[in-house]
């Protein structure tokens, strides 16, 4: 916290618990899906797969690739080597926010499988996508960098 300030020392750690963010997140996904549905050349299974892939790509980039704090934090660089996911709730595991952010890609995967009628091509693409997004969320991968990727 800044001297005389009333904010958090690392805003990345707390804002996902803020009021209405989960609802806004869900509405954002719904809007993305409706925009894709409005494209006349895309079939319903393709729209569900694209919704899943776009969501998981943004999820992966913003939670598991970006590191540090967007503001100059007074933590003397403690969070500069942590991904956004590792900073959520100050690194505590199994909080409500982490459970929600883990559950959303899985539920979206199940919905996608249902609406694509378990087509093998769609299933394979969506399964790889949900696996790549879900594995880094496991507690065993906290602060682990595979093959040195995203180490610095």
N, C-alpha and C. Protein backbone atom coordinates (compact mmCIF):
# COMPACT_ATOMS: atom_id res chain seq x y z
N UNK A 1 0.85 -1.17 0.00
CA UNK A 1 0.00 0.00 0.00
C UNK A 1 0.89 1.23 0.00
N UNK A 2 0.50 2.24 -0.73
CA UNK A 2 1.25 3.47 -0.79
C UNK A 2 1.04 4.26 0.49
N UNK A 3 2.04 5.04 0.83
CA UNK A 3 1.95 5.85 2.05
C UNK A 3 0.78 6.81 1.92
N UNK A 4 -0.12 6.75 2.87
CA UNK A 4 -1.29 7.61 2.86
C UNK A 4 -2.38 7.13 1.93
N UNK A 5 -2.13 6.08 1.19
CA UNK A 5 -3.11 5.55 0.24
C UNK A 5 -4.00 4.52 0.90
N UNK A 6 -5.08 4.23 0.24
CA UNK A 6 -6.03 3.26 0.78
C UNK A 6 -6.18 2.04 -0.12
N UNK A 7 -5.36 1.94 -1.16
CA UNK A 7 -5.49 0.83 -2.09
C UNK A 7 -4.71 -0.40 -1.64
N UNK A 8 -4.86 -1.43 -2.42
CA UNK A 8 -4.15 -2.68 -2.16
C UNK A 8 -2.70 -2.53 -2.60
N UNK A 9 -1.81 -3.31 -2.00
CA UNK A 9 -0.42 -3.27 -2.42
C UNK A 9 -0.24 -3.90 -3.79
N UNK A 10 -1.11 -4.82 -4.17
CA UNK A 10 -1.09 -5.43 -5.50
C UNK A 10 -2.53 -5.62 -5.96
N UNK A 11 -3.03 -4.72 -6.79
CA UNK A 11 -4.43 -4.82 -7.23
C UNK A 11 -4.74 -6.10 -8.01
N UNK A 12 -3.73 -6.74 -8.60
CA UNK A 12 -3.97 -8.00 -9.31
C UNK A 12 -4.50 -9.08 -8.39
N UNK A 13 -4.17 -9.00 -7.12
CA UNK A 13 -4.51 -10.07 -6.19
C UNK A 13 -5.97 -10.02 -5.74
N UNK A 14 -6.64 -8.90 -5.89
CA UNK A 14 -7.96 -8.76 -5.27
C UNK A 14 -9.11 -8.44 -6.21
N UNK A 15 -8.86 -7.86 -7.37
CA UNK A 15 -9.98 -7.33 -8.15
C UNK A 15 -10.93 -8.41 -8.67
N UNK A 16 -10.45 -9.63 -8.83
CA UNK A 16 -11.34 -10.69 -9.33
C UNK A 16 -12.40 -11.08 -8.31
N UNK A 17 -12.23 -10.68 -7.05
CA UNK A 17 -13.25 -10.94 -6.03
C UNK A 17 -14.27 -9.81 -5.95
N UNK A 18 -14.07 -8.76 -6.73
CA UNK A 18 -14.93 -7.59 -6.60
C UNK A 18 -16.36 -7.91 -7.03
N UNK A 19 -17.27 -7.11 -6.52
CA UNK A 19 -18.69 -7.32 -6.74
C UNK A 19 -19.06 -7.21 -8.22
N UNK A 20 -19.73 -8.19 -8.72
CA UNK A 20 -20.24 -8.15 -10.08
C UNK A 20 -19.27 -8.61 -11.15
N UNK A 21 -18.02 -8.90 -10.80
CA UNK A 21 -17.07 -9.28 -11.83
C UNK A 21 -17.41 -10.63 -12.46
N UNK A 22 -17.85 -11.57 -11.66
CA UNK A 22 -18.21 -12.88 -12.20
C UNK A 22 -19.38 -12.75 -13.17
N UNK A 23 -20.35 -11.92 -12.83
CA UNK A 23 -21.49 -11.68 -13.71
C UNK A 23 -21.03 -11.00 -15.00
N UNK A 24 -20.17 -10.00 -14.88
CA UNK A 24 -19.65 -9.31 -16.06
C UNK A 24 -18.87 -10.26 -16.95
N UNK A 25 -18.10 -11.13 -16.35
CA UNK A 25 -17.32 -12.13 -17.08
C UNK A 25 -18.24 -13.05 -17.87
N UNK A 26 -19.30 -13.52 -17.23
CA UNK A 26 -20.26 -14.40 -17.88
C UNK A 26 -21.00 -13.68 -19.00
N UNK A 27 -21.40 -12.45 -18.76
CA UNK A 27 -22.08 -11.66 -19.79
C UNK A 27 -21.14 -11.41 -20.97
N UNK A 28 -19.87 -11.15 -20.70
CA UNK A 28 -18.89 -10.96 -21.77
C UNK A 28 -18.76 -12.19 -22.65
N UNK A 29 -18.74 -13.37 -22.02
CA UNK A 29 -18.67 -14.61 -22.80
C UNK A 29 -19.93 -14.79 -23.64
N UNK A 30 -21.08 -14.47 -23.06
CA UNK A 30 -22.35 -14.59 -23.79
C UNK A 30 -22.38 -13.63 -24.98
N UNK A 31 -21.90 -12.41 -24.78
CA UNK A 31 -21.86 -11.43 -25.88
C UNK A 31 -20.93 -11.92 -26.99
N UNK A 32 -19.76 -12.46 -26.63
CA UNK A 32 -18.86 -13.02 -27.63
C UNK A 32 -19.56 -14.12 -28.42
N UNK A 33 -20.25 -14.99 -27.72
CA UNK A 33 -20.95 -16.09 -28.39
C UNK A 33 -22.05 -15.57 -29.32
N UNK A 34 -22.80 -14.57 -28.87
CA UNK A 34 -23.87 -14.02 -29.71
C UNK A 34 -23.32 -13.30 -30.94
N UNK A 35 -22.18 -12.62 -30.78
CA UNK A 35 -21.55 -11.97 -31.93
C UNK A 35 -21.13 -13.01 -32.96
N UNK A 36 -20.53 -14.09 -32.48
CA UNK A 36 -20.12 -15.15 -33.41
C UNK A 36 -21.34 -15.83 -34.05
N UNK A 37 -22.43 -15.97 -33.30
CA UNK A 37 -23.65 -16.56 -33.87
C UNK A 37 -24.26 -15.68 -34.96
N UNK A 38 -24.01 -14.39 -34.90
CA UNK A 38 -24.59 -13.48 -35.89
C UNK A 38 -23.85 -13.52 -37.23
N UNK A 39 -22.70 -14.19 -37.27
CA UNK A 39 -21.98 -14.33 -38.55
C UNK A 39 -22.67 -15.44 -39.34
N UNK A 40 -23.24 -15.11 -40.50
CA UNK A 40 -24.07 -16.09 -41.20
C UNK A 40 -23.33 -17.30 -41.77
N UNK A 41 -22.04 -17.20 -42.01
CA UNK A 41 -21.33 -18.32 -42.64
C UNK A 41 -20.87 -19.38 -41.64
N UNK A 42 -21.03 -19.10 -40.36
CA UNK A 42 -20.57 -20.04 -39.33
C UNK A 42 -21.72 -20.93 -38.85
N UNK A 43 -21.45 -22.22 -38.77
CA UNK A 43 -22.45 -23.15 -38.25
C UNK A 43 -22.44 -23.09 -36.72
N UNK A 44 -23.47 -23.64 -36.10
CA UNK A 44 -23.57 -23.62 -34.64
C UNK A 44 -22.41 -24.38 -33.99
N UNK A 45 -22.05 -25.58 -34.46
CA UNK A 45 -20.89 -26.24 -33.85
C UNK A 45 -19.59 -25.43 -33.99
N UNK A 46 -19.41 -24.78 -35.15
CA UNK A 46 -18.21 -23.97 -35.35
C UNK A 46 -18.21 -22.77 -34.41
N UNK A 47 -19.37 -22.17 -34.19
CA UNK A 47 -19.47 -21.03 -33.28
C UNK A 47 -19.12 -21.45 -31.85
N UNK A 48 -19.62 -22.60 -31.42
CA UNK A 48 -19.29 -23.06 -30.07
C UNK A 48 -17.80 -23.34 -29.93
N UNK A 49 -17.21 -23.95 -30.95
CA UNK A 49 -15.78 -24.22 -30.90
C UNK A 49 -14.98 -22.93 -30.90
N UNK A 50 -15.37 -21.97 -31.72
CA UNK A 50 -14.68 -20.68 -31.75
C UNK A 50 -14.83 -19.93 -30.42
N UNK A 51 -16.02 -19.98 -29.85
CA UNK A 51 -16.23 -19.35 -28.54
C UNK A 51 -15.30 -19.96 -27.51
N UNK A 52 -15.21 -21.27 -27.50
CA UNK A 52 -14.35 -21.97 -26.56
C UNK A 52 -12.88 -21.62 -26.80
N UNK A 53 -12.44 -21.63 -28.06
CA UNK A 53 -11.04 -21.35 -28.37
C UNK A 53 -10.66 -19.91 -28.06
N UNK A 54 -11.53 -18.97 -28.40
CA UNK A 54 -11.23 -17.56 -28.12
C UNK A 54 -11.19 -17.32 -26.62
N UNK A 55 -12.17 -17.87 -25.91
CA UNK A 55 -12.18 -17.71 -24.45
C UNK A 55 -10.92 -18.30 -23.84
N UNK A 56 -10.57 -19.51 -24.23
CA UNK A 56 -9.40 -20.16 -23.64
C UNK A 56 -8.10 -19.47 -24.03
N UNK A 57 -8.03 -18.92 -25.24
CA UNK A 57 -6.83 -18.18 -25.64
C UNK A 57 -6.65 -16.94 -24.78
N UNK A 58 -7.73 -16.17 -24.60
CA UNK A 58 -7.64 -14.99 -23.74
C UNK A 58 -7.34 -15.39 -22.30
N UNK A 59 -7.96 -16.43 -21.84
CA UNK A 59 -7.75 -16.94 -20.48
C UNK A 59 -6.28 -17.29 -20.28
N UNK A 60 -5.71 -18.01 -21.24
CA UNK A 60 -4.32 -18.44 -21.14
C UNK A 60 -3.37 -17.25 -21.16
N UNK A 61 -3.59 -16.34 -22.10
CA UNK A 61 -2.69 -15.19 -22.22
C UNK A 61 -2.77 -14.30 -20.98
N UNK A 62 -3.97 -13.94 -20.57
CA UNK A 62 -4.10 -12.98 -19.48
C UNK A 62 -3.84 -13.58 -18.11
N UNK A 63 -4.08 -14.86 -17.91
CA UNK A 63 -3.86 -15.44 -16.58
C UNK A 63 -2.55 -16.20 -16.45
N UNK A 64 -2.04 -16.78 -17.53
CA UNK A 64 -0.88 -17.67 -17.40
C UNK A 64 0.35 -17.21 -18.16
N UNK A 65 0.26 -16.13 -18.92
CA UNK A 65 1.42 -15.65 -19.66
C UNK A 65 1.90 -14.31 -19.14
N UNK A 66 0.98 -13.38 -18.94
CA UNK A 66 1.36 -12.06 -18.45
C UNK A 66 1.85 -12.14 -17.01
N UNK A 67 2.93 -11.42 -16.74
CA UNK A 67 3.51 -11.46 -15.40
C UNK A 67 3.65 -10.05 -14.85
N UNK A 68 3.77 -9.97 -13.54
CA UNK A 68 3.97 -8.69 -12.89
C UNK A 68 2.68 -7.96 -12.62
N UNK A 69 2.83 -6.73 -12.18
CA UNK A 69 1.69 -5.88 -11.87
C UNK A 69 1.64 -4.75 -12.89
N UNK A 70 0.45 -4.36 -13.34
CA UNK A 70 0.37 -3.27 -14.31
C UNK A 70 0.71 -1.91 -13.71
N UNK A 71 0.75 -1.83 -12.39
CA UNK A 71 1.10 -0.59 -11.72
C UNK A 71 2.44 -0.75 -11.04
N UNK A 72 3.03 0.35 -10.69
CA UNK A 72 4.28 0.29 -9.93
C UNK A 72 3.91 -0.11 -8.52
N UNK A 73 4.21 -1.33 -8.19
CA UNK A 73 3.82 -1.86 -6.89
C UNK A 73 4.94 -1.65 -5.87
N UNK A 74 4.58 -1.33 -4.64
CA UNK A 74 5.60 -1.12 -3.61
C UNK A 74 6.09 -2.43 -2.99
N UNK A 75 5.87 -3.54 -3.65
CA UNK A 75 6.30 -4.83 -3.10
C UNK A 75 7.74 -5.16 -3.46
N UNK A 76 8.45 -4.20 -4.04
CA UNK A 76 9.86 -4.32 -4.40
C UNK A 76 10.10 -5.49 -5.35
N UNK A 77 9.19 -5.69 -6.28
CA UNK A 77 9.37 -6.69 -7.32
C UNK A 77 8.97 -8.10 -6.95
N UNK A 78 8.29 -8.28 -5.81
CA UNK A 78 7.89 -9.63 -5.41
C UNK A 78 6.97 -10.28 -6.44
N UNK A 79 6.10 -9.49 -7.07
CA UNK A 79 5.15 -10.07 -8.01
C UNK A 79 5.62 -9.97 -9.46
N UNK A 80 6.80 -9.44 -9.70
CA UNK A 80 7.24 -9.24 -11.08
C UNK A 80 7.50 -10.55 -11.82
N UNK A 81 7.78 -11.62 -11.10
CA UNK A 81 8.02 -12.92 -11.75
C UNK A 81 6.84 -13.87 -11.62
N UNK A 82 5.73 -13.39 -11.08
CA UNK A 82 4.54 -14.21 -10.92
C UNK A 82 3.54 -13.91 -12.02
N UNK A 83 2.89 -14.95 -12.53
CA UNK A 83 1.82 -14.73 -13.50
C UNK A 83 0.60 -14.18 -12.76
N UNK A 84 -0.35 -13.70 -13.54
CA UNK A 84 -1.56 -13.15 -12.93
C UNK A 84 -2.27 -14.22 -12.10
N UNK A 85 -2.30 -15.46 -12.60
CA UNK A 85 -2.95 -16.55 -11.87
C UNK A 85 -2.28 -16.76 -10.51
N UNK A 86 -0.97 -16.69 -10.47
CA UNK A 86 -0.24 -16.92 -9.22
C UNK A 86 -0.42 -15.78 -8.22
N UNK A 87 -0.85 -14.62 -8.70
CA UNK A 87 -1.07 -13.48 -7.82
C UNK A 87 -2.49 -13.43 -7.25
N UNK A 88 -3.43 -14.15 -7.86
CA UNK A 88 -4.82 -14.09 -7.42
C UNK A 88 -4.93 -14.54 -5.97
N UNK A 89 -5.63 -13.77 -5.17
CA UNK A 89 -5.84 -14.05 -3.74
C UNK A 89 -4.52 -14.29 -3.01
N UNK A 90 -3.50 -13.54 -3.41
CA UNK A 90 -2.17 -13.61 -2.79
C UNK A 90 -1.59 -15.02 -2.82
N UNK A 91 -1.91 -15.78 -3.85
CA UNK A 91 -1.34 -17.11 -4.02
C UNK A 91 -2.02 -18.23 -3.25
N UNK A 92 -3.10 -17.92 -2.54
CA UNK A 92 -3.81 -18.97 -1.80
C UNK A 92 -4.52 -19.89 -2.79
N UNK A 93 -4.47 -21.18 -2.51
CA UNK A 93 -5.09 -22.17 -3.39
C UNK A 93 -6.55 -22.41 -2.98
N UNK A 94 -7.34 -22.84 -3.92
CA UNK A 94 -8.72 -23.29 -3.71
C UNK A 94 -9.63 -22.21 -3.11
N UNK A 95 -9.44 -20.97 -3.52
CA UNK A 95 -10.37 -19.92 -3.11
C UNK A 95 -11.55 -19.92 -4.07
N UNK A 96 -12.59 -19.19 -3.73
CA UNK A 96 -13.79 -19.14 -4.58
C UNK A 96 -13.45 -18.60 -5.97
N UNK A 97 -12.62 -17.58 -6.02
CA UNK A 97 -12.26 -16.99 -7.30
C UNK A 97 -11.51 -17.99 -8.17
N UNK A 98 -10.55 -18.70 -7.60
CA UNK A 98 -9.79 -19.69 -8.36
C UNK A 98 -10.68 -20.84 -8.82
N UNK A 99 -11.59 -21.25 -7.96
CA UNK A 99 -12.51 -22.33 -8.35
C UNK A 99 -13.40 -21.88 -9.51
N UNK A 100 -13.89 -20.65 -9.45
CA UNK A 100 -14.72 -20.13 -10.53
C UNK A 100 -13.94 -20.09 -11.84
N UNK A 101 -12.73 -19.55 -11.79
CA UNK A 101 -11.93 -19.41 -13.01
C UNK A 101 -11.44 -20.76 -13.54
N UNK A 102 -11.43 -21.78 -12.71
CA UNK A 102 -11.10 -23.13 -13.17
C UNK A 102 -12.33 -23.81 -13.74
N UNK A 103 -13.47 -23.56 -13.15
CA UNK A 103 -14.71 -24.22 -13.56
C UNK A 103 -15.25 -23.69 -14.89
N UNK A 104 -15.08 -22.41 -15.15
CA UNK A 104 -15.65 -21.82 -16.36
C UNK A 104 -15.15 -22.49 -17.64
N UNK A 105 -13.84 -22.69 -17.85
CA UNK A 105 -13.42 -23.37 -19.08
C UNK A 105 -13.93 -24.81 -19.18
N UNK A 106 -14.05 -25.49 -18.05
CA UNK A 106 -14.53 -26.87 -18.06
C UNK A 106 -16.01 -26.92 -18.45
N UNK A 107 -16.82 -26.03 -17.87
CA UNK A 107 -18.25 -25.97 -18.21
C UNK A 107 -18.42 -25.58 -19.68
N UNK A 108 -17.63 -24.62 -20.13
CA UNK A 108 -17.69 -24.21 -21.53
C UNK A 108 -17.30 -25.38 -22.45
N UNK A 109 -16.33 -26.17 -22.03
CA UNK A 109 -15.94 -27.37 -22.80
C UNK A 109 -17.10 -28.35 -22.90
N UNK A 110 -17.78 -28.61 -21.77
CA UNK A 110 -18.92 -29.54 -21.80
C UNK A 110 -20.05 -29.01 -22.68
N UNK A 111 -20.32 -27.72 -22.59
CA UNK A 111 -21.35 -27.13 -23.46
C UNK A 111 -20.96 -27.26 -24.93
N UNK A 112 -19.69 -27.01 -25.21
CA UNK A 112 -19.22 -27.12 -26.59
C UNK A 112 -19.35 -28.55 -27.10
N UNK A 113 -18.99 -29.52 -26.26
CA UNK A 113 -19.13 -30.93 -26.66
C UNK A 113 -20.60 -31.27 -26.94
N UNK A 114 -21.49 -30.76 -26.12
CA UNK A 114 -22.91 -31.03 -26.30
C UNK A 114 -23.42 -30.45 -27.61
N UNK A 115 -23.09 -29.18 -27.87
CA UNK A 115 -23.63 -28.51 -29.05
C UNK A 115 -22.91 -28.88 -30.34
N UNK A 116 -21.75 -29.53 -30.24
CA UNK A 116 -21.09 -30.03 -31.46
C UNK A 116 -21.41 -31.51 -31.68
N UNK A 117 -22.29 -32.06 -30.85
CA UNK A 117 -22.70 -33.47 -30.94
C UNK A 117 -21.50 -34.42 -30.87
N UNK A 118 -20.53 -34.04 -30.06
CA UNK A 118 -19.32 -34.85 -29.85
C UNK A 118 -18.62 -35.22 -31.15
N UNK A 119 -18.59 -34.30 -32.08
CA UNK A 119 -17.85 -34.50 -33.32
C UNK A 119 -16.37 -34.69 -32.98
N UNK A 120 -15.72 -35.73 -33.49
CA UNK A 120 -14.34 -36.02 -33.10
C UNK A 120 -13.36 -34.87 -33.37
N UNK A 121 -13.53 -34.17 -34.49
CA UNK A 121 -12.62 -33.06 -34.79
C UNK A 121 -12.79 -31.92 -33.80
N UNK A 122 -14.03 -31.53 -33.55
CA UNK A 122 -14.29 -30.46 -32.59
C UNK A 122 -13.85 -30.90 -31.19
N UNK A 123 -14.13 -32.14 -30.84
CA UNK A 123 -13.76 -32.64 -29.52
C UNK A 123 -12.25 -32.57 -29.31
N UNK A 124 -11.48 -33.01 -30.28
CA UNK A 124 -10.02 -33.01 -30.14
C UNK A 124 -9.49 -31.59 -29.95
N UNK A 125 -9.96 -30.67 -30.77
CA UNK A 125 -9.49 -29.28 -30.67
C UNK A 125 -9.88 -28.68 -29.32
N UNK A 126 -11.12 -28.88 -28.91
CA UNK A 126 -11.60 -28.31 -27.65
C UNK A 126 -10.94 -28.97 -26.45
N UNK A 127 -10.67 -30.27 -26.53
CA UNK A 127 -10.02 -30.97 -25.43
C UNK A 127 -8.59 -30.47 -25.22
N UNK A 128 -7.87 -30.29 -26.32
CA UNK A 128 -6.51 -29.75 -26.22
C UNK A 128 -6.55 -28.35 -25.62
N UNK A 129 -7.49 -27.55 -26.06
CA UNK A 129 -7.62 -26.18 -25.57
C UNK A 129 -7.91 -26.15 -24.07
N UNK A 130 -8.89 -26.94 -23.62
CA UNK A 130 -9.25 -26.91 -22.20
C UNK A 130 -8.12 -27.51 -21.35
N UNK A 131 -7.39 -28.47 -21.89
CA UNK A 131 -6.26 -29.04 -21.15
C UNK A 131 -5.16 -28.00 -20.97
N UNK A 132 -4.84 -27.26 -22.05
CA UNK A 132 -3.80 -26.24 -21.96
C UNK A 132 -4.17 -25.11 -21.01
N UNK A 133 -5.45 -24.87 -20.83
CA UNK A 133 -5.88 -23.80 -19.93
C UNK A 133 -6.03 -24.29 -18.49
N UNK A 134 -6.39 -25.55 -18.31
CA UNK A 134 -6.67 -26.06 -16.97
C UNK A 134 -5.41 -26.54 -16.25
N UNK A 135 -4.49 -27.15 -16.95
CA UNK A 135 -3.29 -27.68 -16.29
C UNK A 135 -2.49 -26.63 -15.51
N UNK A 136 -2.25 -25.43 -16.06
CA UNK A 136 -1.48 -24.44 -15.29
C UNK A 136 -2.18 -23.97 -14.01
N UNK A 137 -3.46 -24.26 -13.88
CA UNK A 137 -4.20 -23.84 -12.69
C UNK A 137 -4.03 -24.79 -11.52
N UNK A 138 -3.51 -25.98 -11.76
CA UNK A 138 -3.34 -26.95 -10.69
C UNK A 138 -2.29 -26.48 -9.70
N UNK A 139 -2.49 -26.77 -8.41
CA UNK A 139 -1.52 -26.33 -7.39
C UNK A 139 -0.11 -26.88 -7.63
N UNK A 140 0.01 -28.02 -8.27
CA UNK A 140 1.32 -28.60 -8.54
C UNK A 140 2.14 -27.74 -9.51
N UNK A 141 1.48 -26.90 -10.28
CA UNK A 141 2.17 -26.06 -11.26
C UNK A 141 2.35 -24.62 -10.77
N UNK A 142 2.11 -24.36 -9.49
CA UNK A 142 2.28 -23.01 -8.94
C UNK A 142 3.75 -22.63 -9.00
N UNK A 143 4.06 -21.57 -9.72
CA UNK A 143 5.42 -21.05 -9.92
C UNK A 143 6.33 -22.04 -10.65
N UNK A 144 5.77 -22.96 -11.41
CA UNK A 144 6.56 -23.91 -12.20
C UNK A 144 6.58 -23.41 -13.64
N UNK A 145 7.76 -23.40 -14.25
CA UNK A 145 7.90 -23.00 -15.65
C UNK A 145 8.41 -24.22 -16.42
N UNK A 146 7.56 -24.79 -17.25
CA UNK A 146 7.95 -25.97 -18.03
C UNK A 146 8.88 -25.57 -19.17
N UNK A 147 9.96 -26.29 -19.31
CA UNK A 147 10.94 -26.08 -20.38
C UNK A 147 11.50 -24.66 -20.39
N UNK A 148 11.41 -23.96 -19.28
CA UNK A 148 11.93 -22.60 -19.20
C UNK A 148 11.06 -21.56 -19.89
N UNK A 149 9.87 -21.96 -20.35
CA UNK A 149 8.96 -21.03 -21.02
C UNK A 149 8.42 -20.05 -19.98
N UNK A 150 8.47 -18.76 -20.31
CA UNK A 150 7.95 -17.70 -19.43
C UNK A 150 8.73 -17.64 -18.11
N UNK A 151 10.01 -17.98 -18.16
CA UNK A 151 10.82 -17.99 -16.95
C UNK A 151 11.15 -16.58 -16.49
N UNK A 152 11.42 -15.68 -17.43
CA UNK A 152 11.82 -14.33 -17.05
C UNK A 152 10.75 -13.34 -17.39
